[in-house]
mmCIF file of all heavy atoms, coordinates in Angstrom:
data_MODEL
# 
_entry.id   MODEL 
# 
loop_
_atom_site.group_PDB 
_atom_site.id 
_atom_site.type_symbol 
_atom_site.label_atom_id 
_atom_site.label_alt_id 
_atom_site.label_comp_id 
_atom_site.label_asym_id 
_atom_site.label_entity_id 
_atom_site.label_seq_id 
_atom_site.pdbx_PDB_ins_code 
_atom_site.Cartn_x 
_atom_site.Cartn_y 
_atom_site.Cartn_z 
_atom_site.occupancy 
_atom_site.B_iso_or_equiv 
_atom_site.pdbx_formal_charge 
_atom_site.auth_seq_id 
_atom_site.auth_comp_id 
_atom_site.auth_asym_id 
_atom_site.auth_atom_id 
_atom_site.pdbx_PDB_model_num 
ATOM 1   N N   . ALA A 1 1  ? -5.972  11.936  21.947 1.00 0.00 ? 1  ALA A N   1 
ATOM 2   C CA  . ALA A 1 1  ? -6.254  10.515  21.736 1.00 0.00 ? 1  ALA A CA  1 
ATOM 3   C C   . ALA A 1 1  ? -6.882  10.266  20.369 1.00 0.00 ? 1  ALA A C   1 
ATOM 4   O O   . ALA A 1 1  ? -6.708  9.194   19.776 1.00 0.00 ? 1  ALA A O   1 
ATOM 5   C CB  . ALA A 1 1  ? -7.165  9.997   22.846 1.00 0.00 ? 1  ALA A CB  1 
ATOM 6   N N   . ILE A 1 2  ? -7.586  11.260  19.856 1.00 0.00 ? 2  ILE A N   1 
ATOM 7   C CA  . ILE A 1 2  ? -8.163  11.154  18.510 1.00 0.00 ? 2  ILE A CA  1 
ATOM 8   C C   . ILE A 1 2  ? -7.156  11.604  17.464 1.00 0.00 ? 2  ILE A C   1 
ATOM 9   O O   . ILE A 1 2  ? -6.988  10.973  16.416 1.00 0.00 ? 2  ILE A O   1 
ATOM 10  C CB  . ILE A 1 2  ? -9.444  12.011  18.423 1.00 0.00 ? 2  ILE A CB  1 
ATOM 11  C CG1 . ILE A 1 2  ? -10.471 11.525  19.457 1.00 0.00 ? 2  ILE A CG1 1 
ATOM 12  C CG2 . ILE A 1 2  ? -10.025 11.993  17.015 1.00 0.00 ? 2  ILE A CG2 1 
ATOM 13  C CD1 . ILE A 1 2  ? -11.686 12.429  19.591 1.00 0.00 ? 2  ILE A CD1 1 
ATOM 14  N N   . PHE A 1 3  ? -6.448  12.679  17.741 1.00 0.00 ? 3  PHE A N   1 
ATOM 15  C CA  . PHE A 1 3  ? -5.528  13.266  16.767 1.00 0.00 ? 3  PHE A CA  1 
ATOM 16  C C   . PHE A 1 3  ? -4.391  12.315  16.389 1.00 0.00 ? 3  PHE A C   1 
ATOM 17  O O   . PHE A 1 3  ? -3.928  12.312  15.246 1.00 0.00 ? 3  PHE A O   1 
ATOM 18  C CB  . PHE A 1 3  ? -4.956  14.572  17.336 1.00 0.00 ? 3  PHE A CB  1 
ATOM 19  C CG  . PHE A 1 3  ? -4.032  15.299  16.404 1.00 0.00 ? 3  PHE A CG  1 
ATOM 20  C CD1 . PHE A 1 3  ? -4.540  16.120  15.418 1.00 0.00 ? 3  PHE A CD1 1 
ATOM 21  C CD2 . PHE A 1 3  ? -2.650  15.163  16.505 1.00 0.00 ? 3  PHE A CD2 1 
ATOM 22  C CE1 . PHE A 1 3  ? -3.697  16.792  14.551 1.00 0.00 ? 3  PHE A CE1 1 
ATOM 23  C CE2 . PHE A 1 3  ? -1.801  15.819  15.644 1.00 0.00 ? 3  PHE A CE2 1 
ATOM 24  C CZ  . PHE A 1 3  ? -2.331  16.640  14.656 1.00 0.00 ? 3  PHE A CZ  1 
ATOM 25  N N   . VAL A 1 4  ? -3.912  11.500  17.323 1.00 0.00 ? 4  VAL A N   1 
ATOM 26  C CA  . VAL A 1 4  ? -2.758  10.646  17.066 1.00 0.00 ? 4  VAL A CA  1 
ATOM 27  C C   . VAL A 1 4  ? -3.037  9.638   15.958 1.00 0.00 ? 4  VAL A C   1 
ATOM 28  O O   . VAL A 1 4  ? -2.118  9.124   15.305 1.00 0.00 ? 4  VAL A O   1 
ATOM 29  C CB  . VAL A 1 4  ? -2.330  9.935   18.366 1.00 0.00 ? 4  VAL A CB  1 
ATOM 30  C CG1 . VAL A 1 4  ? -3.307  8.815   18.740 1.00 0.00 ? 4  VAL A CG1 1 
ATOM 31  C CG2 . VAL A 1 4  ? -0.919  9.383   18.250 1.00 0.00 ? 4  VAL A CG2 1 
ATOM 32  N N   . TRP A 1 5  ? -4.311  9.367   15.685 1.00 0.00 ? 5  TRP A N   1 
ATOM 33  C CA  . TRP A 1 5  ? -4.647  8.416   14.613 1.00 0.00 ? 5  TRP A CA  1 
ATOM 34  C C   . TRP A 1 5  ? -4.422  8.984   13.223 1.00 0.00 ? 5  TRP A C   1 
ATOM 35  O O   . TRP A 1 5  ? -4.571  8.276   12.222 1.00 0.00 ? 5  TRP A O   1 
ATOM 36  C CB  . TRP A 1 5  ? -6.099  7.952   14.767 1.00 0.00 ? 5  TRP A CB  1 
ATOM 37  C CG  . TRP A 1 5  ? -6.275  7.023   15.925 1.00 0.00 ? 5  TRP A CG  1 
ATOM 38  C CD1 . TRP A 1 5  ? -6.708  7.334   17.175 1.00 0.00 ? 5  TRP A CD1 1 
ATOM 39  C CD2 . TRP A 1 5  ? -5.979  5.621   15.949 1.00 0.00 ? 5  TRP A CD2 1 
ATOM 40  N NE1 . TRP A 1 5  ? -6.700  6.221   17.987 1.00 0.00 ? 5  TRP A NE1 1 
ATOM 41  C CE2 . TRP A 1 5  ? -6.274  5.154   17.256 1.00 0.00 ? 5  TRP A CE2 1 
ATOM 42  C CE3 . TRP A 1 5  ? -5.513  4.711   15.003 1.00 0.00 ? 5  TRP A CE3 1 
ATOM 43  C CZ2 . TRP A 1 5  ? -6.100  3.828   17.633 1.00 0.00 ? 5  TRP A CZ2 1 
ATOM 44  C CZ3 . TRP A 1 5  ? -5.338  3.393   15.372 1.00 0.00 ? 5  TRP A CZ3 1 
ATOM 45  C CH2 . TRP A 1 5  ? -5.630  2.967   16.669 1.00 0.00 ? 5  TRP A CH2 1 
ATOM 46  N N   . LEU A 1 6  ? -4.081  10.260  13.125 1.00 0.00 ? 6  LEU A N   1 
ATOM 47  C CA  . LEU A 1 6  ? -3.709  10.835  11.829 1.00 0.00 ? 6  LEU A CA  1 
ATOM 48  C C   . LEU A 1 6  ? -2.350  10.308  11.353 1.00 0.00 ? 6  LEU A C   1 
ATOM 49  O O   . LEU A 1 6  ? -2.014  10.434  10.171 1.00 0.00 ? 6  LEU A O   1 
ATOM 50  C CB  . LEU A 1 6  ? -3.663  12.367  11.919 1.00 0.00 ? 6  LEU A CB  1 
ATOM 51  C CG  . LEU A 1 6  ? -5.001  13.070  12.155 1.00 0.00 ? 6  LEU A CG  1 
ATOM 52  C CD1 . LEU A 1 6  ? -4.793  14.570  12.280 1.00 0.00 ? 6  LEU A CD1 1 
ATOM 53  C CD2 . LEU A 1 6  ? -5.984  12.754  11.043 1.00 0.00 ? 6  LEU A CD2 1 
ATOM 54  N N   . ALA A 1 7  ? -1.563  9.756   12.266 1.00 0.00 ? 7  ALA A N   1 
ATOM 55  C CA  . ALA A 1 7  ? -0.285  9.153   11.860 1.00 0.00 ? 7  ALA A CA  1 
ATOM 56  C C   . ALA A 1 7  ? -0.547  7.900   11.035 1.00 0.00 ? 7  ALA A C   1 
ATOM 57  O O   . ALA A 1 7  ? -1.547  7.209   11.214 1.00 0.00 ? 7  ALA A O   1 
ATOM 58  C CB  . ALA A 1 7  ? 0.545   8.818   13.092 1.00 0.00 ? 7  ALA A CB  1 
ATOM 59  N N   . ARG A 1 8  ? 0.360   7.633   10.124 1.00 0.00 ? 8  ARG A N   1 
ATOM 60  C CA  . ARG A 1 8  ? 0.229   6.430   9.289  1.00 0.00 ? 8  ARG A CA  1 
ATOM 61  C C   . ARG A 1 8  ? 0.594   5.199   10.109 1.00 0.00 ? 8  ARG A C   1 
ATOM 62  O O   . ARG A 1 8  ? 1.548   5.201   10.876 1.00 0.00 ? 8  ARG A O   1 
ATOM 63  C CB  . ARG A 1 8  ? 1.151   6.513   8.074  1.00 0.00 ? 8  ARG A CB  1 
ATOM 64  C CG  . ARG A 1 8  ? 0.733   7.545   7.046  1.00 0.00 ? 8  ARG A CG  1 
ATOM 65  C CD  . ARG A 1 8  ? 1.579   7.399   5.779  1.00 0.00 ? 8  ARG A CD  1 
ATOM 66  N NE  . ARG A 1 8  ? 1.148   8.321   4.754  1.00 0.00 ? 8  ARG A NE  1 
ATOM 67  C CZ  . ARG A 1 8  ? 1.667   9.529   4.554  1.00 0.00 ? 8  ARG A CZ  1 
ATOM 68  N NH1 . ARG A 1 8  ? 2.643   9.937   5.347  1.00 0.00 ? 8  ARG A NH1 1 
ATOM 69  N NH2 . ARG A 1 8  ? 1.229   10.310  3.609  1.00 0.00 ? 8  ARG A NH2 1 
ATOM 70  N N   . GLY A 1 9  ? -0.157  4.130   9.893  1.00 0.00 ? 9  GLY A N   1 
ATOM 71  C CA  . GLY A 1 9  ? 0.168   2.874   10.524 1.00 0.00 ? 9  GLY A CA  1 
ATOM 72  C C   . GLY A 1 9  ? 1.297   2.186   9.783  1.00 0.00 ? 9  GLY A C   1 
ATOM 73  O O   . GLY A 1 9  ? 1.562   2.470   8.610  1.00 0.00 ? 9  GLY A O   1 
ATOM 74  N N   . VAL A 1 10 ? 1.967   1.283   10.443 1.00 0.00 ? 10 VAL A N   1 
ATOM 75  C CA  . VAL A 1 10 ? 3.077   0.542   9.850  1.00 0.00 ? 10 VAL A CA  1 
ATOM 76  C C   . VAL A 1 10 ? 2.679   -0.924  9.742  1.00 0.00 ? 10 VAL A C   1 
ATOM 77  O O   . VAL A 1 10 ? 2.187   -1.507  10.720 1.00 0.00 ? 10 VAL A O   1 
ATOM 78  C CB  . VAL A 1 10 ? 4.355   0.671   10.707 1.00 0.00 ? 10 VAL A CB  1 
ATOM 79  C CG1 . VAL A 1 10 ? 5.487   -0.153  10.110 1.00 0.00 ? 10 VAL A CG1 1 
ATOM 80  C CG2 . VAL A 1 10 ? 4.765   2.125   10.795 1.00 0.00 ? 10 VAL A CG2 1 
ATOM 81  N N   . PRO A 1 11 ? 2.843   -1.544  8.567  1.00 0.00 ? 11 PRO A N   1 
ATOM 82  C CA  . PRO A 1 11 ? 2.491   -2.961  8.441  1.00 0.00 ? 11 PRO A CA  1 
ATOM 83  C C   . PRO A 1 11 ? 3.255   -3.795  9.456  1.00 0.00 ? 11 PRO A C   1 
ATOM 84  O O   . PRO A 1 11 ? 4.428   -3.545  9.742  1.00 0.00 ? 11 PRO A O   1 
ATOM 85  C CB  . PRO A 1 11 ? 2.916   -3.300  7.000  1.00 0.00 ? 11 PRO A CB  1 
ATOM 86  C CG  . PRO A 1 11 ? 2.963   -1.997  6.289  1.00 0.00 ? 11 PRO A CG  1 
ATOM 87  C CD  . PRO A 1 11 ? 3.360   -0.987  7.313  1.00 0.00 ? 11 PRO A CD  1 
ATOM 88  N N   . ARG A 1 12 ? 2.567   -4.791  9.998  1.00 0.00 ? 12 ARG A N   1 
ATOM 89  C CA  . ARG A 1 12 ? 3.226   -5.651  10.977 1.00 0.00 ? 12 ARG A CA  1 
ATOM 90  C C   . ARG A 1 12 ? 4.336   -6.449  10.312 1.00 0.00 ? 12 ARG A C   1 
ATOM 91  O O   . ARG A 1 12 ? 4.171   -7.019  9.243  1.00 0.00 ? 12 ARG A O   1 
ATOM 92  C CB  . ARG A 1 12 ? 2.210   -6.626  11.601 1.00 0.00 ? 12 ARG A CB  1 
ATOM 93  C CG  . ARG A 1 12 ? 1.237   -5.930  12.530 1.00 0.00 ? 12 ARG A CG  1 
ATOM 94  C CD  . ARG A 1 12 ? 0.342   -6.968  13.196 1.00 0.00 ? 12 ARG A CD  1 
ATOM 95  N NE  . ARG A 1 12 ? -0.538  -6.349  14.151 1.00 0.00 ? 12 ARG A NE  1 
ATOM 96  C CZ  . ARG A 1 12 ? -0.218  -6.072  15.396 1.00 0.00 ? 12 ARG A CZ  1 
ATOM 97  N NH1 . ARG A 1 12 ? 0.981   -6.378  15.849 1.00 0.00 ? 12 ARG A NH1 1 
ATOM 98  N NH2 . ARG A 1 12 ? -1.077  -5.515  16.215 1.00 0.00 ? 12 ARG A NH2 1 
ATOM 99  N N   . LYS A 1 13 ? 5.453   -6.448  10.942 1.00 0.00 ? 13 LYS A N   1 
ATOM 100 C CA  . LYS A 1 13 ? 6.585   -7.228  10.448 1.00 0.00 ? 13 LYS A CA  1 
ATOM 101 C C   . LYS A 1 13 ? 7.444   -7.636  11.633 1.00 0.00 ? 13 LYS A C   1 
ATOM 102 O O   . LYS A 1 13 ? 7.331   -7.088  12.732 1.00 0.00 ? 13 LYS A O   1 
ATOM 103 C CB  . LYS A 1 13 ? 7.426   -6.420  9.460  1.00 0.00 ? 13 LYS A CB  1 
ATOM 104 C CG  . LYS A 1 13 ? 8.021   -5.140  10.052 1.00 0.00 ? 13 LYS A CG  1 
ATOM 105 C CD  . LYS A 1 13 ? 8.828   -4.395  9.011  1.00 0.00 ? 13 LYS A CD  1 
ATOM 106 C CE  . LYS A 1 13 ? 9.448   -3.129  9.613  1.00 0.00 ? 13 LYS A CE  1 
ATOM 107 N NZ  . LYS A 1 13 ? 10.246  -2.406  8.618  1.00 0.00 ? 13 LYS A NZ  1 
ATOM 108 N N   . LYS A 1 14 ? 8.292   -8.591  11.396 1.00 0.00 ? 14 LYS A N   1 
ATOM 109 C CA  . LYS A 1 14 ? 9.160   -9.063  12.462 1.00 0.00 ? 14 LYS A CA  1 
ATOM 110 C C   . LYS A 1 14 ? 10.123  -7.956  12.855 1.00 0.00 ? 14 LYS A C   1 
ATOM 111 O O   . LYS A 1 14 ? 10.780  -7.365  12.008 1.00 0.00 ? 14 LYS A O   1 
ATOM 112 C CB  . LYS A 1 14 ? 9.950   -10.284 11.977 1.00 0.00 ? 14 LYS A CB  1 
ATOM 113 C CG  . LYS A 1 14 ? 10.773  -10.939 13.084 1.00 0.00 ? 14 LYS A CG  1 
ATOM 114 C CD  . LYS A 1 14 ? 11.467  -12.177 12.569 1.00 0.00 ? 14 LYS A CD  1 
ATOM 115 C CE  . LYS A 1 14 ? 12.284  -12.844 13.670 1.00 0.00 ? 14 LYS A CE  1 
ATOM 116 N NZ  . LYS A 1 14 ? 12.971  -14.064 13.185 1.00 0.00 ? 14 LYS A NZ  1 
ATOM 117 N N   . PRO A 1 15 ? 10.191  -7.622  14.126 1.00 0.00 ? 15 PRO A N   1 
ATOM 118 C CA  . PRO A 1 15 ? 11.080  -6.535  14.552 1.00 0.00 ? 15 PRO A CA  1 
ATOM 119 C C   . PRO A 1 15 ? 12.543  -6.861  14.262 1.00 0.00 ? 15 PRO A C   1 
ATOM 120 O O   . PRO A 1 15 ? 12.962  -8.005  14.289 1.00 0.00 ? 15 PRO A O   1 
ATOM 121 C CB  . PRO A 1 15 ? 10.822  -6.428  16.059 1.00 0.00 ? 15 PRO A CB  1 
ATOM 122 C CG  . PRO A 1 15 ? 10.269  -7.751  16.450 1.00 0.00 ? 15 PRO A CG  1 
ATOM 123 C CD  . PRO A 1 15 ? 9.497   -8.257  15.267 1.00 0.00 ? 15 PRO A CD  1 
ATOM 124 N N   . GLU A 1 16 ? 13.293  -5.795  14.002 1.00 0.00 ? 16 GLU A N   1 
ATOM 125 C CA  . GLU A 1 16 ? 14.716  -5.974  13.721 1.00 0.00 ? 16 GLU A CA  1 
ATOM 126 C C   . GLU A 1 16 ? 15.422  -6.484  14.969 1.00 0.00 ? 16 GLU A C   1 
ATOM 127 O O   . GLU A 1 16 ? 15.249  -5.951  16.066 1.00 0.00 ? 16 GLU A O   1 
ATOM 128 C CB  . GLU A 1 16 ? 15.331  -4.640  13.298 1.00 0.00 ? 16 GLU A CB  1 
ATOM 129 C CG  . GLU A 1 16 ? 14.730  -4.083  12.022 1.00 0.00 ? 16 GLU A CG  1 
ATOM 130 C CD  . GLU A 1 16 ? 15.380  -2.756  11.666 1.00 0.00 ? 16 GLU A CD  1 
ATOM 131 O OE1 . GLU A 1 16 ? 16.348  -2.380  12.346 1.00 0.00 ? 16 GLU A OE1 1 
ATOM 132 O OE2 . GLU A 1 16 ? 14.932  -2.117  10.727 1.00 0.00 ? 16 GLU A OE2 1 
ATOM 133 N N   . PRO A 1 17 ? 16.266  -7.547  14.819 1.00 0.00 ? 17 PRO A N   1 
ATOM 134 C CA  . PRO A 1 17 ? 16.947  -8.078  16.003 1.00 0.00 ? 17 PRO A CA  1 
ATOM 135 C C   . PRO A 1 17 ? 17.970  -7.101  16.572 1.00 0.00 ? 17 PRO A C   1 
ATOM 136 O O   . PRO A 1 17 ? 18.248  -7.107  17.759 1.00 0.00 ? 17 PRO A O   1 
ATOM 137 C CB  . PRO A 1 17 ? 17.619  -9.348  15.474 1.00 0.00 ? 17 PRO A CB  1 
ATOM 138 C CG  . PRO A 1 17 ? 17.749  -9.135  13.992 1.00 0.00 ? 17 PRO A CG  1 
ATOM 139 C CD  . PRO A 1 17 ? 16.571  -8.296  13.594 1.00 0.00 ? 17 PRO A CD  1 
ATOM 140 N N   . LYS A 1 18 ? 18.542  -6.265  15.702 1.00 0.00 ? 18 LYS A N   1 
ATOM 141 C CA  . LYS A 1 18 ? 19.549  -5.322  16.144 1.00 0.00 ? 18 LYS A CA  1 
ATOM 142 C C   . LYS A 1 18 ? 19.222  -3.926  15.609 1.00 0.00 ? 18 LYS A C   1 
ATOM 143 O O   . LYS A 1 18 ? 19.614  -3.572  14.494 1.00 0.00 ? 18 LYS A O   1 
ATOM 144 C CB  . LYS A 1 18 ? 20.941  -5.740  15.656 1.00 0.00 ? 18 LYS A CB  1 
ATOM 145 C CG  . LYS A 1 18 ? 21.444  -7.037  16.283 1.00 0.00 ? 18 LYS A CG  1 
ATOM 146 C CD  . LYS A 1 18 ? 22.843  -7.359  15.784 1.00 0.00 ? 18 LYS A CD  1 
ATOM 147 C CE  . LYS A 1 18 ? 23.371  -8.641  16.420 1.00 0.00 ? 18 LYS A CE  1 
ATOM 148 N NZ  . LYS A 1 18 ? 24.733  -8.983  15.945 1.00 0.00 ? 18 LYS A NZ  1 
ATOM 149 N N   . PRO A 1 19 ? 18.453  -3.143  16.345 1.00 0.00 ? 19 PRO A N   1 
ATOM 150 C CA  . PRO A 1 19 ? 18.169  -1.778  15.910 1.00 0.00 ? 19 PRO A CA  1 
ATOM 151 C C   . PRO A 1 19 ? 19.470  -0.991  15.738 1.00 0.00 ? 19 PRO A C   1 
ATOM 152 O O   . PRO A 1 19 ? 20.433  -1.202  16.478 1.00 0.00 ? 19 PRO A O   1 
ATOM 153 C CB  . PRO A 1 19 ? 17.325  -1.205  17.061 1.00 0.00 ? 19 PRO A CB  1 
ATOM 154 C CG  . PRO A 1 19 ? 16.789  -2.407  17.774 1.00 0.00 ? 19 PRO A CG  1 
ATOM 155 C CD  . PRO A 1 19 ? 17.832  -3.470  17.621 1.00 0.00 ? 19 PRO A CD  1 
ATOM 156 N N   . SER A 1 20 ? 19.484  -0.097  14.772 1.00 0.00 ? 20 SER A N   1 
ATOM 157 C CA  . SER A 1 20 ? 20.696  0.663   14.488 1.00 0.00 ? 20 SER A CA  1 
ATOM 158 C C   . SER A 1 20 ? 21.025  1.609   15.642 1.00 0.00 ? 20 SER A C   1 
ATOM 159 O O   . SER A 1 20 ? 20.161  1.982   16.435 1.00 0.00 ? 20 SER A O   1 
ATOM 160 C CB  . SER A 1 20 ? 20.512  1.477   13.208 1.00 0.00 ? 20 SER A CB  1 
ATOM 161 O OG  . SER A 1 20 ? 19.522  2.483   13.391 1.00 0.00 ? 20 SER A OG  1 
ATOM 162 N N   . PHE A 1 21 ? 22.303  1.990   15.695 1.00 0.00 ? 21 PHE A N   1 
ATOM 163 C CA  . PHE A 1 21 ? 22.762  2.923   16.725 1.00 0.00 ? 21 PHE A CA  1 
ATOM 164 C C   . PHE A 1 21 ? 22.002  4.239   16.614 1.00 0.00 ? 21 PHE A C   1 
ATOM 165 O O   . PHE A 1 21 ? 21.590  4.827   17.613 1.00 0.00 ? 21 PHE A O   1 
ATOM 166 C CB  . PHE A 1 21 ? 24.257  3.167   16.565 1.00 0.00 ? 21 PHE A CB  1 
ATOM 167 C CG  . PHE A 1 21 ? 24.811  4.204   17.502 1.00 0.00 ? 21 PHE A CG  1 
ATOM 168 C CD1 . PHE A 1 21 ? 25.124  3.875   18.808 1.00 0.00 ? 21 PHE A CD1 1 
ATOM 169 C CD2 . PHE A 1 21 ? 24.995  5.511   17.076 1.00 0.00 ? 21 PHE A CD2 1 
ATOM 170 C CE1 . PHE A 1 21 ? 25.630  4.840   19.677 1.00 0.00 ? 21 PHE A CE1 1 
ATOM 171 C CE2 . PHE A 1 21 ? 25.500  6.474   17.935 1.00 0.00 ? 21 PHE A CE2 1 
ATOM 172 C CZ  . PHE A 1 21 ? 25.823  6.131   19.235 1.00 0.00 ? 21 PHE A CZ  1 
ATOM 173 N N   . GLU A 1 22 ? 21.816  4.713   15.373 1.00 0.00 ? 22 GLU A N   1 
ATOM 174 C CA  . GLU A 1 22 ? 21.127  5.983   15.166 1.00 0.00 ? 22 GLU A CA  1 
ATOM 175 C C   . GLU A 1 22 ? 19.692  5.920   15.665 1.00 0.00 ? 22 GLU A C   1 
ATOM 176 O O   . GLU A 1 22 ? 19.182  6.865   16.271 1.00 0.00 ? 22 GLU A O   1 
ATOM 177 C CB  . GLU A 1 22 ? 21.160  6.381   13.686 1.00 0.00 ? 22 GLU A CB  1 
ATOM 178 C CG  . GLU A 1 22 ? 22.522  6.811   13.174 1.00 0.00 ? 22 GLU A CG  1 
ATOM 179 C CD  . GLU A 1 22 ? 23.436  5.605   12.899 1.00 0.00 ? 22 GLU A CD  1 
ATOM 180 O OE1 . GLU A 1 22 ? 22.925  4.463   12.927 1.00 0.00 ? 22 GLU A OE1 1 
ATOM 181 O OE2 . GLU A 1 22 ? 24.638  5.822   12.673 1.00 0.00 ? 22 GLU A OE2 1 
ATOM 182 N N   . LEU A 1 23 ? 19.003  4.781   15.401 1.00 0.00 ? 23 LEU A N   1 
ATOM 183 C CA  . LEU A 1 23 ? 17.625  4.641   15.833 1.00 0.00 ? 23 LEU A CA  1 
ATOM 184 C C   . LEU A 1 23 ? 17.525  4.640   17.359 1.00 0.00 ? 23 LEU A C   1 
ATOM 185 O O   . LEU A 1 23 ? 16.675  5.324   17.944 1.00 0.00 ? 23 LEU A O   1 
ATOM 186 C CB  . LEU A 1 23 ? 17.026  3.352   15.273 1.00 0.00 ? 23 LEU A CB  1 
ATOM 187 C CG  . LEU A 1 23 ? 15.591  3.015   15.697 1.00 0.00 ? 23 LEU A CG  1 
ATOM 188 C CD1 . LEU A 1 23 ? 14.634  4.098   15.247 1.00 0.00 ? 23 LEU A CD1 1 
ATOM 189 C CD2 . LEU A 1 23 ? 15.166  1.658   15.141 1.00 0.00 ? 23 LEU A CD2 1 
ATOM 190 N N   . LEU A 1 24 ? 18.399  3.884   18.020 1.00 0.00 ? 24 LEU A N   1 
ATOM 191 C CA  . LEU A 1 24 ? 18.371  3.841   19.476 1.00 0.00 ? 24 LEU A CA  1 
ATOM 192 C C   . LEU A 1 24 ? 18.711  5.191   20.084 1.00 0.00 ? 24 LEU A C   1 
ATOM 193 O O   . LEU A 1 24 ? 18.106  5.612   21.066 1.00 0.00 ? 24 LEU A O   1 
ATOM 194 C CB  . LEU A 1 24 ? 19.342  2.768   19.974 1.00 0.00 ? 24 LEU A CB  1 
ATOM 195 C CG  . LEU A 1 24 ? 18.932  1.311   19.717 1.00 0.00 ? 24 LEU A CG  1 
ATOM 196 C CD1 . LEU A 1 24 ? 20.048  0.369   20.120 1.00 0.00 ? 24 LEU A CD1 1 
ATOM 197 C CD2 . LEU A 1 24 ? 17.653  0.968   20.462 1.00 0.00 ? 24 LEU A CD2 1 
ATOM 198 N N   . ARG A 1 25 ? 19.693  5.875   19.520 1.00 0.00 ? 25 ARG A N   1 
ATOM 199 C CA  . ARG A 1 25 ? 20.070  7.200   20.037 1.00 0.00 ? 25 ARG A CA  1 
ATOM 200 C C   . ARG A 1 25 ? 18.913  8.180   19.869 1.00 0.00 ? 25 ARG A C   1 
ATOM 201 O O   . ARG A 1 25 ? 18.619  8.985   20.781 1.00 0.00 ? 25 ARG A O   1 
ATOM 202 C CB  . ARG A 1 25 ? 21.306  7.700   19.277 1.00 0.00 ? 25 ARG A CB  1 
ATOM 203 C CG  . ARG A 1 25 ? 21.696  9.131   19.627 1.00 0.00 ? 25 ARG A CG  1 
ATOM 204 C CD  . ARG A 1 25 ? 22.428  9.198   20.949 1.00 0.00 ? 25 ARG A CD  1 
ATOM 205 N NE  . ARG A 1 25 ? 22.592  10.570  21.395 1.00 0.00 ? 25 ARG A NE  1 
ATOM 206 C CZ  . ARG A 1 25 ? 23.512  11.415  20.937 1.00 0.00 ? 25 ARG A CZ  1 
ATOM 207 N NH1 . ARG A 1 25 ? 24.376  11.009  20.003 1.00 0.00 ? 25 ARG A NH1 1 
ATOM 208 N NH2 . ARG A 1 25 ? 23.605  12.641  21.405 1.00 0.00 ? 25 ARG A NH2 1 
ATOM 209 N N   . ALA A 1 26 ? 18.232  8.104   18.716 1.00 0.00 ? 26 ALA A N   1 
ATOM 210 C CA  . ALA A 1 26 ? 17.101  9.002   18.481 1.00 0.00 ? 26 ALA A CA  1 
ATOM 211 C C   . ALA A 1 26 ? 15.968  8.721   19.462 1.00 0.00 ? 26 ALA A C   1 
ATOM 212 O O   . ALA A 1 26 ? 15.383  9.642   20.036 1.00 0.00 ? 26 ALA A O   1 
ATOM 213 C CB  . ALA A 1 26 ? 16.598  8.850   17.040 1.00 0.00 ? 26 ALA A CB  1 
# 
């Protein structure tokens, strides 16, 4: 629970309306 905060945060933005096929498959 502490270690996961080492990941970089992502700036808030409007989510993509259509995620790519590669992203969904991954």
